[in-house]
Amino acid sequence: MKKTAIGIVAGLLLACVALAQQATKVQGWITDGKCAAKGGDLSNAACAKKCAAAGEKLVLVADKDKKIYTVENQDAVKGHEGHHVVVAGQVKGDTIHVESVDMAQ
């Protein structure tokens, strides 16, 4: 009985870990943090690239609720400034670790 209970608990814990590690998909715009905070033109690639070159972090602005996610691994979204994308990654609060980027349709 005791071994069965331990087995069930272990199985549940493994299932929870597996669910927690699944990538979340967020559709939105890649821009710089400065433009995103001001509600600027999210599709202005030239502005986003200029601000990123000056040290601003690139962010993802979600279509659904306009939430701004700081991109943890900046290199993953370089070249997508001003693009409407679907990002798959691990979300932790207001930060996303990007696993893949695809153009939104």
PDB file of N, CA and C in Angstrom:
ATOM      1  N   MET A   1       0.830  -1.193   0.000  1.00  0.00           N
ATOM      2  CA  MET A   1       0.000   0.000   0.000  1.00  0.00           C
ATOM      3  C   MET A   1       0.873   1.254   0.000  1.00  0.00           C
ATOM      4  N   LYS A   2       1.897   1.237   0.862  1.00  0.00           N
ATOM      5  CA  LYS A   2       2.772   2.397   0.981  1.00  0.00           C
ATOM      6  C   LYS A   2       3.548   2.621  -0.321  1.00  0.00           C
ATOM      7  N   LYS A   3       4.004   1.524  -0.946  1.00  0.00           N
ATOM      8  CA  LYS A   3       4.753   1.628  -2.202  1.00  0.00           C
ATOM      9  C   LYS A   3       3.860   2.153  -3.321  1.00  0.00           C
ATOM     10  N   THR A   4       2.607   1.743  -3.317  1.00  0.00           N
ATOM     11  CA  THR A   4       1.662   2.210  -4.325  1.00  0.00           C
ATOM     12  C   THR A   4       1.437   3.714  -4.189  1.00  0.00           C
ATOM     13  N   ALA A   5       1.263   4.186  -2.974  1.00  0.00           N
ATOM     14  CA  ALA A   5       1.057   5.618  -2.735  1.00  0.00           C
ATOM     15  C   ALA A   5       2.279   6.416  -3.172  1.00  0.00           C
ATOM     16  N   ILE A   6       3.468   5.924  -2.871  1.00  0.00           N
ATOM     17  CA  ILE A   6       4.698   6.616  -3.272  1.00  0.00           C
ATOM     18  C   ILE A   6       4.799   6.647  -4.795  1.00  0.00           C
ATOM     19  N   GLY A   7       4.433   5.551  -5.442  1.00  0.00           N
ATOM     20  CA  GLY A   7       4.455   5.487  -6.905  1.00  0.00           C
ATOM     21  C   GLY A   7       3.494   6.478  -7.530  1.00  0.00           C
ATOM     22  N   ILE A   8       2.313   6.601  -6.957  1.00  0.00           N
ATOM     23  CA  ILE A   8       1.317   7.548  -7.471  1.00  0.00           C
ATOM     24  C   ILE A   8       1.807   8.980  -7.307  1.00  0.00           C
ATOM     25  N   VAL A   9       2.343   9.308  -6.155  1.00  0.00           N
ATOM     26  CA  VAL A   9       2.858  10.661  -5.904  1.00  0.00           C
ATOM     27  C   VAL A   9       4.002  10.972  -6.869  1.00  0.00           C
ATOM     28  N   ALA A  10       4.909  10.030  -7.063  1.00  0.00           N
ATOM     29  CA  ALA A  10       6.030  10.235  -7.986  1.00  0.00           C
ATOM     30  C   ALA A  10       5.524  10.460  -9.405  1.00  0.00           C
ATOM     31  N   GLY A  11       4.524   9.692  -9.817  1.00  0.00           N
ATOM     32  CA  GLY A  11       3.941   9.861 -11.150  1.00  0.00           C
ATOM     33  C   GLY A  11       3.305  11.224 -11.333  1.00  0.00           C
ATOM     34  N   LEU A  12       2.592  11.679 -10.327  1.00  0.00           N
ATOM     35  CA  LEU A  12       1.966  13.001 -10.390  1.00  0.00           C
ATOM     36  C   LEU A  12       3.009  14.107 -10.470  1.00  0.00           C
ATOM     37  N   LEU A  13       4.074  13.977  -9.712  1.00  0.00           N
ATOM     38  CA  LEU A  13       5.143  14.975  -9.752  1.00  0.00           C
ATOM     39  C   LEU A  13       5.789  15.033 -11.131  1.00  0.00           C
ATOM     40  N   LEU A  14       6.045  13.896 -11.726  1.00  0.00           N
ATOM     41  CA  LEU A  14       6.625  13.865 -13.071  1.00  0.00           C
ATOM     42  C   LEU A  14       5.680  14.490 -14.092  1.00  0.00           C
ATOM     43  N   ALA A  15       4.393  14.237 -13.963  1.00  0.00           N
ATOM     44  CA  ALA A  15       3.412  14.827 -14.869  1.00  0.00           C
ATOM     45  C   ALA A  15       3.392  16.340 -14.730  1.00  0.00           C
ATOM     46  N   CYS A  16       3.474  16.843 -13.514  1.00  0.00           N
ATOM     47  CA  CYS A  16       3.495  18.293 -13.276  1.00  0.00           C
ATOM     48  C   CYS A  16       4.737  18.931 -13.891  1.00  0.00           C
ATOM     49  N   VAL A  17       5.872  18.291 -13.751  1.00  0.00           N
ATOM     50  CA  VAL A  17       7.116  18.813 -14.328  1.00  0.00           C
ATOM     51  C   VAL A  17       7.009  18.847 -15.844  1.00  0.00           C
ATOM     52  N   ALA A  18       6.466  17.809 -16.443  1.00  0.00           N
ATOM     53  CA  ALA A  18       6.317  17.756 -17.897  1.00  0.00           C
ATOM     54  C   ALA A  18       5.402  18.868 -18.387  1.00  0.00           C
ATOM     55  N   LEU A  19       4.309  19.111 -17.688  1.00  0.00           N
ATOM     56  CA  LEU A  19       3.395  20.185 -18.075  1.00  0.00           C
ATOM     57  C   LEU A  19       4.038  21.553 -17.923  1.00  0.00           C
ATOM     58  N   ALA A  20       4.807  21.744 -16.893  1.00  0.00           N
ATOM     59  CA  ALA A  20       5.437  23.038 -16.634  1.00  0.00           C
ATOM     60  C   ALA A  20       6.478  23.376 -17.687  1.00  0.00           C
ATOM     61  N   GLN A  21       7.052  22.378 -18.345  1.00  0.00           N
ATOM     62  CA  GLN A  21       8.108  22.623 -19.307  1.00  0.00           C
ATOM     63  C   GLN A  21       7.601  22.770 -20.732  1.00  0.00           C
ATOM     64  N   GLN A  22       6.314  22.660 -20.958  1.00  0.00           N
ATOM     65  CA  GLN A  22       5.781  22.834 -22.299  1.00  0.00           C
ATOM     66  C   GLN A  22       5.884  24.299 -22.697  1.00  0.00           C
ATOM     67  N   ALA A  23       6.226  24.521 -23.952  1.00  0.00           N
ATOM     68  CA  ALA A  23       6.370  25.885 -24.455  1.00  0.00           C
ATOM     69  C   ALA A  23       5.006  26.566 -24.559  1.00  0.00           C
ATOM     70  N   THR A  24       4.988  27.836 -24.225  1.00  0.00           N
ATOM     71  CA  THR A  24       3.809  28.672 -24.384  1.00  0.00           C
ATOM     72  C   THR A  24       3.957  29.423 -25.696  1.00  0.00           C
ATOM     73  N   LYS A  25       2.873  29.558 -26.453  1.00  0.00           N
ATOM     74  CA  LYS A  25       2.916  30.324 -27.703  1.00  0.00           C
ATOM     75  C   LYS A  25       2.242  31.667 -27.477  1.00  0.00           C
ATOM     76  N   VAL A  26       2.936  32.723 -27.894  1.00  0.00           N
ATOM     77  CA  VAL A  26       2.412  34.079 -27.764  1.00  0.00           C
ATOM     78  C   VAL A  26       2.534  34.753 -29.125  1.00  0.00           C
ATOM     79  N   GLN A  27       1.424  35.314 -29.615  1.00  0.00           N
ATOM     80  CA  GLN A  27       1.450  36.055 -30.873  1.00  0.00           C
ATOM     81  C   GLN A  27       1.540  37.534 -30.564  1.00  0.00           C
ATOM     82  N   GLY A  28       2.412  38.228 -31.289  1.00  0.00           N
ATOM     83  CA  GLY A  28       2.555  39.655 -31.061  1.00  0.00           C
ATOM     84  C   GLY A  28       3.653  40.265 -31.909  1.00  0.00           C
ATOM     85  N   TRP A  29       4.139  41.410 -31.471  1.00  0.00           N
ATOM     86  CA  TRP A  29       5.125  42.197 -32.208  1.00  0.00           C
ATOM     87  C   TRP A  29       6.446  42.240 -31.459  1.00  0.00           C
ATOM     88  N   ILE A  30       7.547  42.103 -32.210  1.00  0.00           N
ATOM     89  CA  ILE A  30       8.881  42.280 -31.645  1.00  0.00           C
ATOM     90  C   ILE A  30       9.260  43.738 -31.854  1.00  0.00           C
ATOM     91  N   THR A  31       9.553  44.419 -30.778  1.00  0.00           N
ATOM     92  CA  THR A  31       9.966  45.822 -30.838  1.00  0.00           C
ATOM     93  C   THR A  31      10.912  46.077 -29.672  1.00  0.00           C
ATOM     94  N   ASP A  32      11.298  47.326 -29.495  1.00  0.00           N
ATOM     95  CA  ASP A  32      12.172  47.655 -28.365  1.00  0.00           C
ATOM     96  C   ASP A  32      11.323  48.097 -27.175  1.00  0.00           C
ATOM     97  N   GLY A  33      11.891  47.985 -25.997  1.00  0.00           N
ATOM     98  CA  GLY A  33      11.167  48.303 -24.774  1.00  0.00           C
ATOM     99  C   GLY A  33      10.709  49.744 -24.684  1.00  0.00           C
ATOM    100  N   LYS A  34      11.477  50.652 -25.254  1.00  0.00           N
ATOM    101  CA  LYS A  34      11.149  52.080 -25.197  1.00  0.00           C
ATOM    102  C   LYS A  34       9.882  52.376 -26.007  1.00  0.00           C
ATOM    103  N   CYS A  35       9.832  51.889 -27.239  1.00  0.00           N
ATOM    104  CA  CYS A  35       8.646  52.109 -28.079  1.00  0.00           C
ATOM    105  C   CYS A  35       7.423  51.397 -27.509  1.00  0.00           C
ATOM    106  N   ALA A  36       7.639  50.198 -26.984  1.00  0.00           N
ATOM    107  CA  ALA A  36       6.525  49.433 -26.420  1.00  0.00           C
ATOM    108  C   ALA A  36       5.905  50.167 -25.239  1.00  0.00           C
ATOM    109  N   ALA A  37       6.745  50.727 -24.370  1.00  0.00           N
ATOM    110  CA  ALA A  37       6.256  51.432 -23.181  1.00  0.00           C
ATOM    111  C   ALA A  37       5.487  52.692 -23.551  1.00  0.00           C
ATOM    112  N   LYS A  38       5.885  53.336 -24.643  1.00  0.00           N
ATOM    113  CA  LYS A  38       5.229  54.576 -25.069  1.00  0.00           C
ATOM    114  C   LYS A  38       4.025  54.325 -25.964  1.00  0.00           C
ATOM    115  N   GLY A  39       3.786  53.063 -26.323  1.00  0.00           N
ATOM    116  CA  GLY A  39       2.668  52.761 -27.214  1.00  0.00           C
ATOM    117  C   GLY A  39       2.945  53.192 -28.633  1.00  0.00           C
ATOM    118  N   GLY A  40       4.215  53.167 -29.028  1.00  0.00           N
ATOM    119  CA  GLY A  40       4.616  53.585 -30.371  1.00  0.00           C
ATOM    120  C   GLY A  40       4.197  52.590 -31.440  1.00  0.00           C
ATOM    121  N   ASP A  41       4.637  52.866 -32.671  1.00  0.00           N
ATOM    122  CA  ASP A  41       4.337  52.016 -33.815  1.00  0.00           C
ATOM    123  C   ASP A  41       5.127  50.720 -33.693  1.00  0.00           C
ATOM    124  N   LEU A  42       4.469  49.642 -33.363  1.00  0.00           N
ATOM    125  CA  LEU A  42       5.135  48.362 -33.119  1.00  0.00           C
ATOM    126  C   LEU A  42       5.741  47.766 -34.378  1.00  0.00           C
ATOM    127  N   SER A  43       5.270  48.187 -35.553  1.00  0.00           N
ATOM    128  CA  SER A  43       5.769  47.631 -36.808  1.00  0.00           C
ATOM    129  C   SER A  43       6.935  48.428 -37.387  1.00  0.00           C
ATOM    130  N   ASN A  44       7.397  49.462 -36.689  1.00  0.00           N
ATOM    131  CA  ASN A  44       8.491  50.301 -37.187  1.00  0.00           C
ATOM    132  C   ASN A  44       9.828  49.609 -36.919  1.00  0.00           C
ATOM    133  N   ALA A  45      10.258  48.805 -37.888  1.00  0.00           N
ATOM    134  CA  ALA A  45      11.486  48.014 -37.738  1.00  0.00           C
ATOM    135  C   ALA A  45      12.714  48.900 -37.604  1.00  0.00           C
ATOM    136  N   ALA A  46      12.784  49.976 -38.377  1.00  0.00           N
ATOM    137  CA  ALA A  46      13.961  50.853 -38.339  1.00  0.00           C
ATOM    138  C   ALA A  46      14.140  51.468 -36.956  1.00  0.00           C
ATOM    139  N   CYS A  47      13.066  51.907 -36.350  1.00  0.00           N
ATOM    140  CA  CYS A  47      13.124  52.511 -35.015  1.00  0.00           C
ATOM    141  C   CYS A  47      13.542  51.472 -33.975  1.00  0.00           C
ATOM    142  N   ALA A  48      12.950  50.286 -34.056  1.00  0.00           N
ATOM    143  CA  ALA A  48      13.277  49.224 -33.098  1.00  0.00           C
ATOM    144  C   ALA A  48      14.742  48.821 -33.208  1.00  0.00           C
ATOM    145  N   LYS A  49      15.256  48.715 -34.442  1.00  0.00           N
ATOM    146  CA  LYS A  49      16.663  48.350 -34.644  1.00  0.00           C
ATOM    147  C   LYS A  49      17.587  49.437 -34.107  1.00  0.00           C
ATOM    148  N   LYS A  50      17.216  50.695 -34.337  1.00  0.00           N
ATOM    149  CA  LYS A  50      18.029  51.821 -33.866  1.00  0.00           C
ATOM    150  C   LYS A  50      18.078  51.833 -32.336  1.00  0.00           C
ATOM    151  N   CYS A  51      16.932  51.675 -31.704  1.00  0.00           N
ATOM    152  CA  CYS A  51      16.886  51.678 -30.240  1.00  0.00           C
ATOM    153  C   CYS A  51      17.620  50.467 -29.656  1.00  0.00           C
ATOM    154  N   ALA A  52      17.492  49.305 -30.307  1.00  0.00           N
ATOM    155  CA  ALA A  52      18.193  48.106 -29.835  1.00  0.00           C
ATOM    156  C   ALA A  52      19.704  48.299 -29.947  1.00  0.00           C
ATOM    157  N   ALA A  53      20.150  48.927 -31.028  1.00  0.00           N
ATOM    158  CA  ALA A  53      21.580  49.194 -31.203  1.00  0.00           C
ATOM    159  C   ALA A  53      22.092  50.155 -30.134  1.00  0.00           C
ATOM    160  N   ALA A  54      21.200  51.010 -29.632  1.00  0.00           N
ATOM    161  CA  ALA A  54      21.566  51.975 -28.586  1.00  0.00           C
ATOM    162  C   ALA A  54      21.465  51.365 -27.182  1.00  0.00           C
ATOM    163  N   GLY A  55      21.097  50.077 -27.102  1.00  0.00           N
ATOM    164  CA  GLY A  55      21.079  49.418 -25.799  1.00  0.00           C
ATOM    165  C   GLY A  55      19.715  49.035 -25.259  1.00  0.00           C
ATOM    166  N   GLU A  56      18.648  49.433 -25.940  1.00  0.00           N
ATOM    167  CA  GLU A  56      17.305  49.035 -25.488  1.00  0.00           C
ATOM    168  C   GLU A  56      17.111  47.538 -25.716  1.00  0.00           C
ATOM    169  N   LYS A  57      16.439  46.886 -24.799  1.00  0.00           N
ATOM    170  CA  LYS A  57      16.141  45.459 -24.922  1.00  0.00           C
ATOM    171  C   LYS A  57      14.974  45.262 -25.892  1.00  0.00           C
ATOM    172  N   LEU A  58      15.028  44.173 -26.659  1.00  0.00           N
ATOM    173  CA  LEU A  58      13.903  43.811 -27.506  1.00  0.00           C
ATOM    174  C   LEU A  58      12.855  43.120 -26.645  1.00  0.00           C
ATOM    175  N   VAL A  59      11.600  43.378 -26.958  1.00  0.00           N
ATOM    176  CA  VAL A  59      10.481  42.824 -26.200  1.00  0.00           C
ATOM    177  C   VAL A  59       9.452  42.248 -27.158  1.00  0.00           C
ATOM    178  N   LEU A  60       8.552  41.468 -26.608  1.00  0.00           N
ATOM    179  CA  LEU A  60       7.411  40.939 -27.341  1.00  0.00           C
ATOM    180  C   LEU A  60       6.163  41.579 -26.759  1.00  0.00           C
ATOM    181  N   VAL A  61       5.372  42.243 -27.610  1.00  0.00           N
ATOM    182  CA  VAL A  61       4.106  42.839 -27.168  1.00  0.00           C
ATOM    183  C   VAL A  61       2.987  41.928 -27.659  1.00  0.00           C
ATOM    184  N   ALA A  62       2.306  41.277 -26.722  1.00  0.00           N
ATOM    185  CA  ALA A  62       1.270  40.294 -27.055  1.00  0.00           C
ATOM    186  C   ALA A  62       0.046  40.965 -27.658  1.00  0.00           C
ATOM    187  N   ASP A  63      -0.476  40.362 -28.722  1.00  0.00           N
ATOM    188  CA  ASP A  63      -1.699  40.866 -29.355  1.00  0.00           C
ATOM    189  C   ASP A  63      -2.884  40.793 -28.404  1.00  0.00           C
ATOM    190  N   LYS A  64      -2.992  39.685 -27.701  1.00  0.00           N
ATOM    191  CA  LYS A  64      -4.172  39.383 -26.891  1.00  0.00           C
ATOM    192  C   LYS A  64      -4.465  40.443 -25.833  1.00  0.00           C
ATOM    193  N   ASP A  65      -3.451  40.805 -25.056  1.00  0.00           N
ATOM    194  CA  ASP A  65      -3.683  41.718 -23.936  1.00  0.00           C
ATOM    195  C   ASP A  65      -2.683  42.872 -23.858  1.00  0.00           C
ATOM    196  N   LYS A  66      -1.854  43.012 -24.895  1.00  0.00           N
ATOM    197  CA  LYS A  66      -0.825  44.075 -24.976  1.00  0.00           C
ATOM    198  C   LYS A  66       0.223  43.956 -23.870  1.00  0.00           C
ATOM    199  N   LYS A  67       0.314  42.780 -23.262  1.00  0.00           N
ATOM    200  CA  LYS A  67       1.337  42.550 -22.238  1.00  0.00           C
ATOM    201  C   LYS A  67       2.712  42.604 -22.894  1.00  0.00           C
ATOM    202  N   ILE A  68       3.664  43.207 -22.193  1.00  0.00           N
ATOM    203  CA  ILE A  68       5.022  43.341 -22.703  1.00  0.00           C
ATOM    204  C   ILE A  68       5.904  42.303 -22.013  1.00  0.00           C
ATOM    205  N   TYR A  69       6.482  41.410 -22.815  1.00  0.00           N
ATOM    206  CA  TYR A  69       7.394  40.382 -22.312  1.00  0.00           C
ATOM    207  C   TYR A  69       8.826  40.766 -22.662  1.00  0.00           C
ATOM    208  N   THR A  70       9.695  40.836 -21.670  1.00  0.00           N
ATOM    209  CA  THR A  70      11.116  41.031 -21.927  1.00  0.00           C
ATOM    210  C   THR A  70      11.658  39.718 -22.471  1.00  0.00           C
ATOM    211  N   VAL A  71      12.421  39.808 -23.560  1.00  0.00           N
ATOM    212  CA  VAL A  71      13.001  38.608 -24.161  1.00  0.00           C
ATOM    213  C   VAL A  71      14.308  38.292 -23.447  1.00  0.00           C
ATOM    214  N   GLU A  72      14.355  37.133 -22.811  1.00  0.00           N
ATOM    215  CA  GLU A  72      15.523  36.731 -22.026  1.00  0.00           C
ATOM    216  C   GLU A  72      16.749  36.493 -22.914  1.00  0.00           C
ATOM    217  N   ASN A  73      16.566  35.820 -24.028  1.00  0.00           N
ATOM    218  CA  ASN A  73      17.660  35.524 -24.951  1.00  0.00           C
ATOM    219  C   ASN A  73      17.500  36.384 -26.212  1.00  0.00           C
ATOM    220  N   GLN A  74      18.041  37.580 -26.160  1.00  0.00           N
ATOM    221  CA  GLN A  74      17.877  38.597 -27.195  1.00  0.00           C
ATOM    222  C   GLN A  74      18.250  38.118 -28.600  1.00  0.00           C
ATOM    223  N   ASP A  75      19.286  37.315 -28.724  1.00  0.00           N
ATOM    224  CA  ASP A  75      19.730  36.852 -30.042  1.00  0.00           C
ATOM    225  C   ASP A  75      18.657  36.046 -30.769  1.00  0.00           C
ATOM    226  N   ALA A  76      17.749  35.435 -30.038  1.00  0.00           N
ATOM    227  CA  ALA A  76      16.706  34.606 -30.641  1.00  0.00           C
ATOM    228  C   ALA A  76      15.726  35.423 -31.476  1.00  0.00           C
ATOM    229  N   VAL A  77      15.598  36.726 -31.205  1.00  0.00           N
ATOM    230  CA  VAL A  77      14.642  37.558 -31.943  1.00  0.00           C
ATOM    231  C   VAL A  77      15.317  38.618 -32.810  1.00  0.00           C
ATOM    232  N   LYS A  78      16.642  38.668 -32.814  1.00  0.00           N
ATOM    233  CA  LYS A  78      17.348  39.628 -33.678  1.00  0.00           C
ATOM    234  C   LYS A  78      16.955  39.337 -35.123  1.00  0.00           C
ATOM    235  N   GLY A  79      16.696  40.391 -35.871  1.00  0.00           N
ATOM    236  CA  GLY A  79      16.254  40.243 -37.251  1.00  0.00           C
ATOM    237  C   GLY A  79      14.742  40.227 -37.387  1.00  0.00           C
ATOM    238  N   HIS A  80      14.030  40.173 -36.267  1.00  0.00           N
ATOM    239  CA  HIS A  80      12.562  40.172 -36.291  1.00  0.00           C
ATOM    240  C   HIS A  80      11.986  41.492 -35.777  1.00  0.00           C
ATOM    241  N   GLU A  81      12.811  42.501 -35.616  1.00  0.00           N
ATOM    242  CA  GLU A  81      12.330  43.798 -35.145  1.00  0.00           C
ATOM    243  C   GLU A  81      11.236  44.306 -36.087  1.00  0.00           C
ATOM    244  N   GLY A  82      10.101  44.703 -35.510  1.00  0.00           N
ATOM    245  CA  GLY A  82       8.987  45.213 -36.299  1.00  0.00           C
ATOM    246  C   GLY A  82       8.153  44.127 -36.960  1.00  0.00           C
ATOM    247  N   HIS A  83       8.442  42.871 -36.687  1.00  0.00           N
ATOM    248  CA  HIS A  83       7.692  41.768 -37.290  1.00  0.00           C
ATOM    249  C   HIS A  83       6.562  41.301 -36.376  1.00  0.00           C
ATOM    250  N   HIS A  84       5.480  40.882 -37.025  1.00  0.00           N
ATOM    251  CA  HIS A  84       4.351  40.268 -36.332  1.00  0.00           C
ATOM    252  C   HIS A  84       4.641  38.773 -36.309  1.00  0.00           C
ATOM    253  N   VAL A  85       4.814  38.206 -35.123  1.00  0.00           N
ATOM    254  CA  VAL A  85       5.337  36.844 -34.986  1.00  0.00           C
ATOM    255  C   VAL A  85       4.532  36.000 -34.001  1.00  0.00           C
ATOM    256  N   VAL A  86       4.799  34.710 -34.034  1.00  0.00           N
ATOM    257  CA  VAL A  86       4.333  33.776 -33.009  1.00  0.00           C
ATOM    258  C   VAL A  86       5.593  33.223 -32.361  1.00  0.00           C
ATOM    259  N   VAL A  87       5.737  33.489 -31.076  1.00  0.00           N
ATOM    260  CA  VAL A  87       6.913  33.058 -30.325  1.00  0.00           C
ATOM    261  C   VAL A  87       6.514  31.892 -29.433  1.00  0.00           C
ATOM    262  N   ALA A  88       7.315  30.840 -29.466  1.00  0.00           N
ATOM    263  CA  ALA A  88       7.136  29.718 -28.542  1.00  0.00           C
ATOM    264  C   ALA A  88       8.277  29.782 -27.545  1.00  0.00           C
ATOM    265  N   GLY A  89       7.945  29.662 -26.266  1.00  0.00           N
ATOM    266  CA  GLY A  89       8.990  29.722 -25.258  1.00  0.00           C
ATOM    267  C   GLY A  89       8.465  29.511 -23.855  1.00  0.00           C
ATOM    268  N   GLN A  90       9.369  29.634 -22.913  1.00  0.00           N
ATOM    269  CA  GLN A  90       9.057  29.473 -21.493  1.00  0.00           C
ATOM    270  C   GLN A  90       8.796  30.851 -20.884  1.00  0.00           C
ATOM    271  N   VAL A  91       7.605  31.049 -20.358  1.00  0.00           N
ATOM    272  CA  VAL A  91       7.221  32.323 -19.746  1.00  0.00           C
ATOM    273  C   VAL A  91       7.402  32.233 -18.241  1.00  0.00           C
ATOM    274  N   LYS A  92       8.088  33.227 -17.696  1.00  0.00           N
ATOM    275  CA  LYS A  92       8.261  33.354 -16.244  1.00  0.00           C
ATOM    276  C   LYS A  92       7.944  34.797 -15.897  1.00  0.00           C
ATOM    277  N   GLY A  93       6.718  35.041 -15.431  1.00  0.00           N
ATOM    278  CA  GLY A  93       6.304  36.403 -15.104  1.00  0.00           C
ATOM    279  C   GLY A  93       6.227  37.256 -16.357  1.00  0.00           C
ATOM    280  N   ASP A  94       7.041  38.313 -16.406  1.00  0.00           N
ATOM    281  CA  ASP A  94       7.058  39.227 -17.548  1.00  0.00           C
ATOM    282  C   ASP A  94       8.219  38.948 -18.492  1.00  0.00           C
ATOM    283  N   THR A  95       8.827  37.780 -18.370  1.00  0.00           N
ATOM    284  CA  THR A  95       9.982  37.418 -19.191  1.00  0.00           C
ATOM    285  C   THR A  95       9.670  36.158 -19.982  1.00  0.00           C
ATOM    286  N   ILE A  96      10.180  36.101 -21.214  1.00  0.00           N
ATOM    287  CA  ILE A  96      10.022  34.901 -22.027  1.00  0.00           C
ATOM    288  C   ILE A  96      11.389  34.468 -22.540  1.00  0.00           C
ATOM    289  N   HIS A  97      11.675  33.171 -22.397  1.00  0.00           N
ATOM    290  CA  HIS A  97      12.878  32.575 -22.986  1.00  0.00           C
ATOM    291  C   HIS A  97      12.418  31.952 -24.297  1.00  0.00           C
ATOM    292  N   VAL A  98      12.848  32.525 -25.411  1.00  0.00           N
ATOM    293  CA  VAL A  98      12.363  32.146 -26.734  1.00  0.00           C
ATOM    294  C   VAL A  98      13.001  30.837 -27.195  1.00  0.00           C
ATOM    295  N   GLU A  99      12.145  29.921 -27.638  1.00  0.00           N
ATOM    296  CA  GLU A  99      12.605  28.657 -28.220  1.00  0.00           C
ATOM    297  C   GLU A  99      12.488  28.680 -29.732  1.00  0.00           C
ATOM    298  N   SER A 100      11.449  29.361 -30.256  1.00  0.00           N
ATOM    299  CA  SER A 100      11.290  29.485 -31.706  1.00  0.00           C
ATOM    300  C   SER A 100      10.477  30.731 -32.032  1.00  0.00           C
ATOM    301  N   VAL A 101      10.707  31.239 -33.248  1.00  0.00           N
ATOM    302  CA  VAL A 101       9.988  32.412 -33.741  1.00  0.00           C
ATOM    303  C   VAL A 101       9.498  32.095 -35.149  1.00  0.00           C
ATOM    304  N   ASP A 102       8.209  32.298 -35.391  1.00  0.00           N
ATOM    305  CA  ASP A 102       7.624  32.123 -36.719  1.00  0.00           C
ATOM    306  C   ASP A 102       6.832  33.375 -37.053  1.00  0.00           C
ATOM    307  N   MET A 103       6.785  33.707 -38.331  1.00  0.00           N
ATOM    308  CA  MET A 103       6.002  34.859 -38.756  1.00  0.00           C
ATOM    309  C   MET A 103       4.516  34.551 -38.554  1.00  0.00           C
ATOM    310  N   ALA A 104       3.779  35.515 -38.034  1.00  0.00           N
ATOM    311  CA  ALA A 104       2.332  35.357 -37.833  1.00  0.00           C
ATOM    312  C   ALA A 104       1.635  35.489 -39.180  1.00  0.00           C
ATOM    313  N   GLN A 105       0.484  34.854 -39.279  1.00  0.00           N
ATOM    314  CA  GLN A 105      -0.260  34.926 -40.537  1.00  0.00           C
ATOM    315  C   GLN A 105      -1.415  35.861 -40.431  1.00  0.00           C
TER     316      GLN A 105
END
